[in-house]
Amino acid sequence: MSFENSATARSAADPQRHDGTSQVLAGCIEAALKSQAESWTCTPAGLTVAGNSGKQSFTPISPGVAPSVESGGVTALDDYDSWCEFGSVCHREINDYAAETKGNAAYGNQNGVIGTFDVVMRINLNGRQAQTKITLIWDSGPAIQFNEVWGNCWEEINNWPDTNCGNHYAGAPVIGPVGWRWNSGTLYGNRLDNSNEYYMAVSGRFTPSGHPLYVMGVLESLYFHCYGSLNDRCYFPY
């Protein structure tokens, strides 16, 4: 695991930042404020609200911006902070066996948005195993202590709940104006024996400085195919 620190404290006024999260998630944020929830998180998937009793609810809300899928070329880790700042969810296929996904997140309370951050995952397919790296990037608000971050594997099951194929703990980092980007180590997934489609998802919980515990919405990767026999490789079909 590694942290990437700017030479000086990174602030909301940094001209190098391109945070369009509040614009992209405007519909979700509006719904969150109408709910008067004391704790809410918006992601491209929708709104997660924590009630006074501690129970959580999720409401799918379209961000109004269609997911984008790019293909071809090798990309640099350094562009994660500027790529997809004004998109809902962005996917890019590096080759048949590697792809990246980025989503934007905002969180707040009944008074408005408290902060924003980005979630990125890169998946490399090795035979019938998914190897995943997760990156978290602070954009605005107080420093955030992530209580837990997970990379979750899911097998797509038509007309039934998807089957879990492995939960992999990524860490509990702190991101903020200093140490504003965190990269996990490689999460080595389980061997995927069934002939089917699969995807990875990032989930977690976090505590912004001076605020209560929040639940992070789920970010899902592109689907990848693991069809055929146990000797056939998994691949991205796009």
Protein backbone atom coordinates (compact mmCIF):
# COMPACT_ATOMS: atom_id res chain seq x y z
CA MET A 1 0.00 0.00 0.00
CA SER A 2 1.23 3.49 -0.72
CA PHE A 3 0.36 7.12 -0.18
CA GLU A 4 1.03 9.91 -2.65
CA ASN A 5 1.58 13.26 -0.94
CA SER A 6 1.65 16.61 -2.65
CA ALA A 7 4.62 18.83 -1.85
CA THR A 8 2.23 21.24 -0.10
CA ALA A 9 -1.18 20.73 1.44
CA ARG A 10 -3.76 20.22 -1.28
CA SER A 11 -6.75 22.54 -0.95
CA ALA A 12 -10.13 23.08 -2.59
CA ALA A 13 -8.63 26.12 -4.32
CA ASP A 14 -5.90 24.09 -6.04
CA PRO A 15 -6.12 25.04 -9.72
CA GLN A 16 -4.84 21.61 -10.74
CA ARG A 17 -8.01 19.99 -9.39
CA HIS A 18 -11.01 19.34 -11.64
CA ASP A 19 -13.74 18.28 -9.22
CA GLY A 20 -17.07 18.06 -11.04
CA THR A 21 -18.59 15.60 -8.57
CA SER A 22 -21.27 17.93 -7.20
CA GLN A 23 -22.43 18.71 -10.74
CA VAL A 24 -22.49 15.09 -11.88
CA LEU A 25 -24.38 13.91 -8.78
CA ALA A 26 -26.73 16.91 -8.56
CA GLY A 27 -29.90 14.79 -8.79
CA CYS A 28 -28.77 12.46 -6.02
CA ILE A 29 -27.65 15.35 -3.81
CA GLU A 30 -31.02 17.07 -4.28
CA ALA A 31 -32.82 13.90 -3.19
CA ALA A 32 -30.49 13.56 -0.20
CA LEU A 33 -31.21 17.10 1.00
CA LYS A 34 -34.96 16.58 0.61
CA SER A 35 -34.69 13.51 2.83
CA GLN A 36 -33.18 15.65 5.63
CA ALA A 37 -30.94 12.68 6.44
CA GLU A 38 -28.19 13.27 8.97
CA SER A 39 -25.86 10.99 7.01
CA TRP A 40 -25.97 10.32 3.25
CA THR A 41 -23.62 9.28 0.45
CA CYS A 42 -24.15 9.78 -3.28
CA THR A 43 -22.42 7.71 -5.96
CA PRO A 44 -23.32 7.10 -9.62
CA ALA A 45 -25.36 4.10 -8.43
CA GLY A 46 -27.61 6.18 -6.18
CA LEU A 47 -28.27 7.43 -2.67
CA THR A 48 -27.30 5.65 0.56
CA VAL A 49 -28.97 7.04 3.70
CA ALA A 50 -28.33 6.13 7.32
CA GLY A 51 -31.36 6.65 9.55
CA ASN A 52 -31.44 7.65 13.20
CA SER A 53 -31.91 4.02 14.21
CA GLY A 54 -28.70 3.03 12.44
CA LYS A 55 -30.54 1.28 9.60
CA GLN A 56 -29.44 2.06 6.06
CA SER A 57 -31.43 2.40 2.87
CA PHE A 58 -30.37 2.61 -0.76
CA THR A 59 -32.25 4.34 -3.58
CA PRO A 60 -31.05 3.98 -7.19
CA ILE A 61 -30.76 7.43 -8.80
CA SER A 62 -29.44 8.02 -12.30
CA PRO A 63 -26.73 10.70 -12.40
CA GLY A 64 -28.06 11.86 -15.75
CA VAL A 65 -24.73 11.22 -17.46
CA ALA A 66 -24.36 7.94 -19.33
CA PRO A 67 -21.40 5.74 -18.36
CA SER A 68 -18.54 6.01 -20.82
CA VAL A 69 -16.45 3.13 -22.12
CA GLU A 70 -13.08 3.77 -23.73
CA SER A 71 -10.84 1.19 -25.36
CA GLY A 72 -7.25 0.83 -26.47
CA GLY A 73 -3.99 2.29 -25.28
CA VAL A 74 -1.99 2.18 -22.09
CA THR A 75 -2.79 4.83 -19.49
CA ALA A 76 -0.72 6.30 -16.69
CA LEU A 77 -1.67 6.14 -13.02
CA ASP A 78 -0.95 9.87 -12.76
CA ASP A 79 -4.02 10.79 -14.79
CA TYR A 80 -6.51 9.22 -12.36
CA ASP A 81 -7.15 12.61 -10.75
CA SER A 82 -8.23 14.32 -14.00
CA TRP A 83 -9.84 11.42 -15.89
CA CYS A 84 -13.64 11.18 -15.51
CA GLU A 85 -14.12 14.15 -13.17
CA PHE A 86 -17.23 15.19 -15.08
CA GLY A 87 -18.62 11.75 -15.81
CA SER A 88 -20.85 9.45 -13.80
CA VAL A 89 -18.92 6.20 -14.18
CA CYS A 90 -16.08 5.77 -16.65
CA HIS A 91 -14.62 2.48 -17.85
CA ARG A 92 -11.61 1.98 -20.05
CA GLU A 93 -10.27 -1.26 -21.43
CA ILE A 94 -6.48 -1.29 -21.58
CA ASN A 95 -6.45 -4.60 -23.43
CA ASP A 96 -8.40 -7.88 -23.40
CA TYR A 97 -7.10 -8.67 -19.91
CA ALA A 98 -6.94 -5.29 -18.15
CA ALA A 99 -9.50 -2.55 -17.52
CA GLU A 100 -10.08 0.43 -15.21
CA THR A 101 -13.22 1.95 -13.68
CA LYS A 102 -13.66 5.31 -11.95
CA GLY A 103 -16.63 6.77 -10.06
CA ASN A 104 -17.20 10.00 -8.15
CA ALA A 105 -18.70 10.16 -4.64
CA ALA A 106 -20.17 12.92 -2.46
CA TYR A 107 -21.33 12.75 1.15
CA GLY A 108 -23.07 15.09 3.54
CA ASN A 109 -25.91 15.74 5.98
CA GLN A 110 -29.14 17.71 6.13
CA ASN A 111 -27.19 20.96 5.71
CA GLY A 112 -25.51 20.05 2.42
CA VAL A 113 -22.41 18.47 0.91
CA ILE A 114 -19.50 17.95 3.33
CA GLY A 115 -16.93 16.48 0.96
CA THR A 116 -16.17 14.58 -2.24
CA PHE A 117 -13.74 11.87 -3.32
CA ASP A 118 -13.01 9.51 -6.21
CA VAL A 119 -12.82 5.72 -6.35
CA VAL A 120 -10.78 3.94 -9.02
CA MET A 121 -10.16 0.24 -9.57
CA ARG A 122 -7.86 -1.49 -12.00
CA ILE A 123 -8.41 -5.16 -12.80
CA ASN A 124 -5.84 -7.44 -14.38
CA LEU A 125 -7.08 -10.87 -15.38
CA ASN A 126 -4.59 -13.67 -14.85
CA GLY A 127 -5.99 -16.91 -16.19
CA ARG A 128 -9.24 -17.36 -14.24
CA GLN A 129 -8.29 -14.96 -11.44
CA ALA A 130 -9.04 -11.23 -11.12
CA GLN A 131 -6.23 -9.17 -9.57
CA THR A 132 -7.55 -5.80 -8.40
CA LYS A 133 -5.97 -2.55 -7.23
CA ILE A 134 -8.05 0.22 -5.64
CA THR A 135 -7.21 3.93 -5.58
CA LEU A 136 -8.96 6.57 -3.44
CA ILE A 137 -8.50 10.27 -4.25
CA TRP A 138 -9.56 13.10 -1.92
CA ASP A 139 -11.21 16.01 -3.72
CA SER A 140 -12.79 18.25 -1.05
CA GLY A 141 -13.88 18.41 2.57
CA PRO A 142 -12.13 17.23 5.74
CA ALA A 143 -9.64 14.37 5.95
CA ILE A 144 -11.33 10.97 5.70
CA GLN A 145 -10.52 7.88 7.77
CA PHE A 146 -11.70 4.82 5.85
CA ASN A 147 -12.68 2.24 8.44
CA GLU A 148 -12.58 -0.49 5.80
CA VAL A 149 -12.30 -0.81 2.03
CA TRP A 150 -13.18 -4.03 0.21
CA GLY A 151 -12.87 -5.45 -3.27
CA ASN A 152 -15.86 -7.76 -3.79
CA CYS A 153 -16.20 -10.33 -6.57
CA TRP A 154 -19.65 -11.14 -8.00
CA GLU A 155 -20.86 -13.77 -10.45
CA GLU A 156 -23.70 -12.53 -12.67
CA ILE A 157 -26.86 -14.64 -12.24
CA ASN A 158 -29.76 -13.77 -14.54
CA ASN A 159 -33.08 -13.25 -12.72
CA TRP A 160 -31.51 -14.19 -9.39
CA PRO A 161 -29.34 -12.37 -6.85
CA ASP A 162 -25.74 -12.40 -8.01
CA THR A 163 -23.44 -14.87 -6.28
CA ASN A 164 -20.54 -13.63 -4.19
CA CYS A 165 -17.21 -15.08 -5.34
CA GLY A 166 -14.91 -13.50 -2.77
CA ASN A 167 -14.52 -10.50 -0.45
CA HIS A 168 -11.00 -9.09 -0.25
CA TYR A 169 -9.92 -6.55 2.37
CA ALA A 170 -7.97 -3.66 0.84
CA GLY A 171 -7.12 -1.54 3.89
CA ALA A 172 -8.18 1.33 6.13
CA PRO A 173 -6.38 4.42 4.78
CA VAL A 174 -6.66 8.12 5.58
CA ILE A 175 -6.96 10.56 2.68
CA GLY A 176 -7.06 14.34 2.89
CA PRO A 177 -5.30 17.54 1.88
CA VAL A 178 -2.00 15.87 2.74
CA GLY A 179 -1.71 12.25 1.64
CA TRP A 180 -4.55 12.90 -0.76
CA ARG A 181 -4.24 9.73 -2.82
CA TRP A 182 -4.00 6.15 -1.61
CA ASN A 183 -3.24 3.05 -3.64
CA SER A 184 -4.01 -0.40 -2.31
CA GLY A 185 -1.83 -3.40 -2.80
CA THR A 186 -2.95 -6.09 -5.25
CA LEU A 187 -6.04 -8.01 -4.17
CA TYR A 188 -5.74 -11.59 -5.45
CA GLY A 189 -9.20 -12.93 -6.23
CA ASN A 190 -10.47 -16.48 -5.97
CA ARG A 191 -10.21 -18.86 -8.91
CA LEU A 192 -13.38 -18.48 -10.98
CA ASP A 193 -14.38 -22.02 -11.93
CA ASN A 194 -17.90 -21.45 -13.31
CA SER A 195 -18.38 -20.67 -17.00
CA ASN A 196 -20.06 -17.27 -16.63
CA GLU A 197 -19.79 -13.46 -16.46
CA TYR A 198 -18.22 -11.78 -13.43
CA TYR A 199 -17.47 -8.30 -12.13
CA MET A 200 -15.63 -6.64 -9.24
CA ALA A 201 -17.07 -4.00 -6.91
CA VAL A 202 -15.58 -1.63 -4.33
CA SER A 203 -17.38 -1.05 -1.04
CA GLY A 204 -16.47 0.36 2.35
CA ARG A 205 -17.18 2.61 5.31
CA PHE A 206 -15.51 5.88 6.24
CA THR A 207 -15.44 8.58 8.92
CA PRO A 208 -14.73 12.19 7.86
CA SER A 209 -12.92 14.21 10.52
CA GLY A 210 -15.48 15.70 12.91
CA HIS A 211 -18.38 13.66 11.51
CA PRO A 212 -20.05 10.26 12.06
CA LEU A 213 -19.55 7.01 10.20
CA TYR A 214 -20.67 6.86 6.55
CA VAL A 215 -21.28 3.95 4.18
CA MET A 216 -19.68 4.24 0.76
CA GLY A 217 -21.86 3.36 -2.22
CA VAL A 218 -20.73 0.46 -4.41
CA LEU A 219 -18.67 1.01 -7.58
CA GLU A 220 -18.90 -1.83 -10.12
CA SER A 221 -16.37 -2.72 -12.81
CA LEU A 222 -16.92 -3.76 -16.40
CA TYR A 223 -18.14 -7.33 -16.73
CA PHE A 224 -15.54 -9.89 -17.74
CA HIS A 225 -16.16 -13.29 -19.28
CA CYS A 226 -14.84 -16.54 -17.86
CA TYR A 227 -16.52 -18.91 -20.29
CA GLY A 228 -15.41 -22.37 -21.30
CA SER A 229 -13.28 -24.89 -19.45
CA LEU A 230 -11.04 -24.31 -16.45
CA ASN A 231 -8.11 -23.90 -18.86
CA ASP A 232 -9.74 -20.97 -20.72
CA ARG A 233 -8.71 -17.46 -19.69
CA CYS A 234 -11.04 -14.75 -18.44
CA TYR A 235 -11.17 -11.66 -20.65
CA PHE A 236 -12.93 -8.33 -21.19
CA PRO A 237 -15.16 -8.71 -24.28
CA TYR A 238 -15.30 -5.04 -25.30
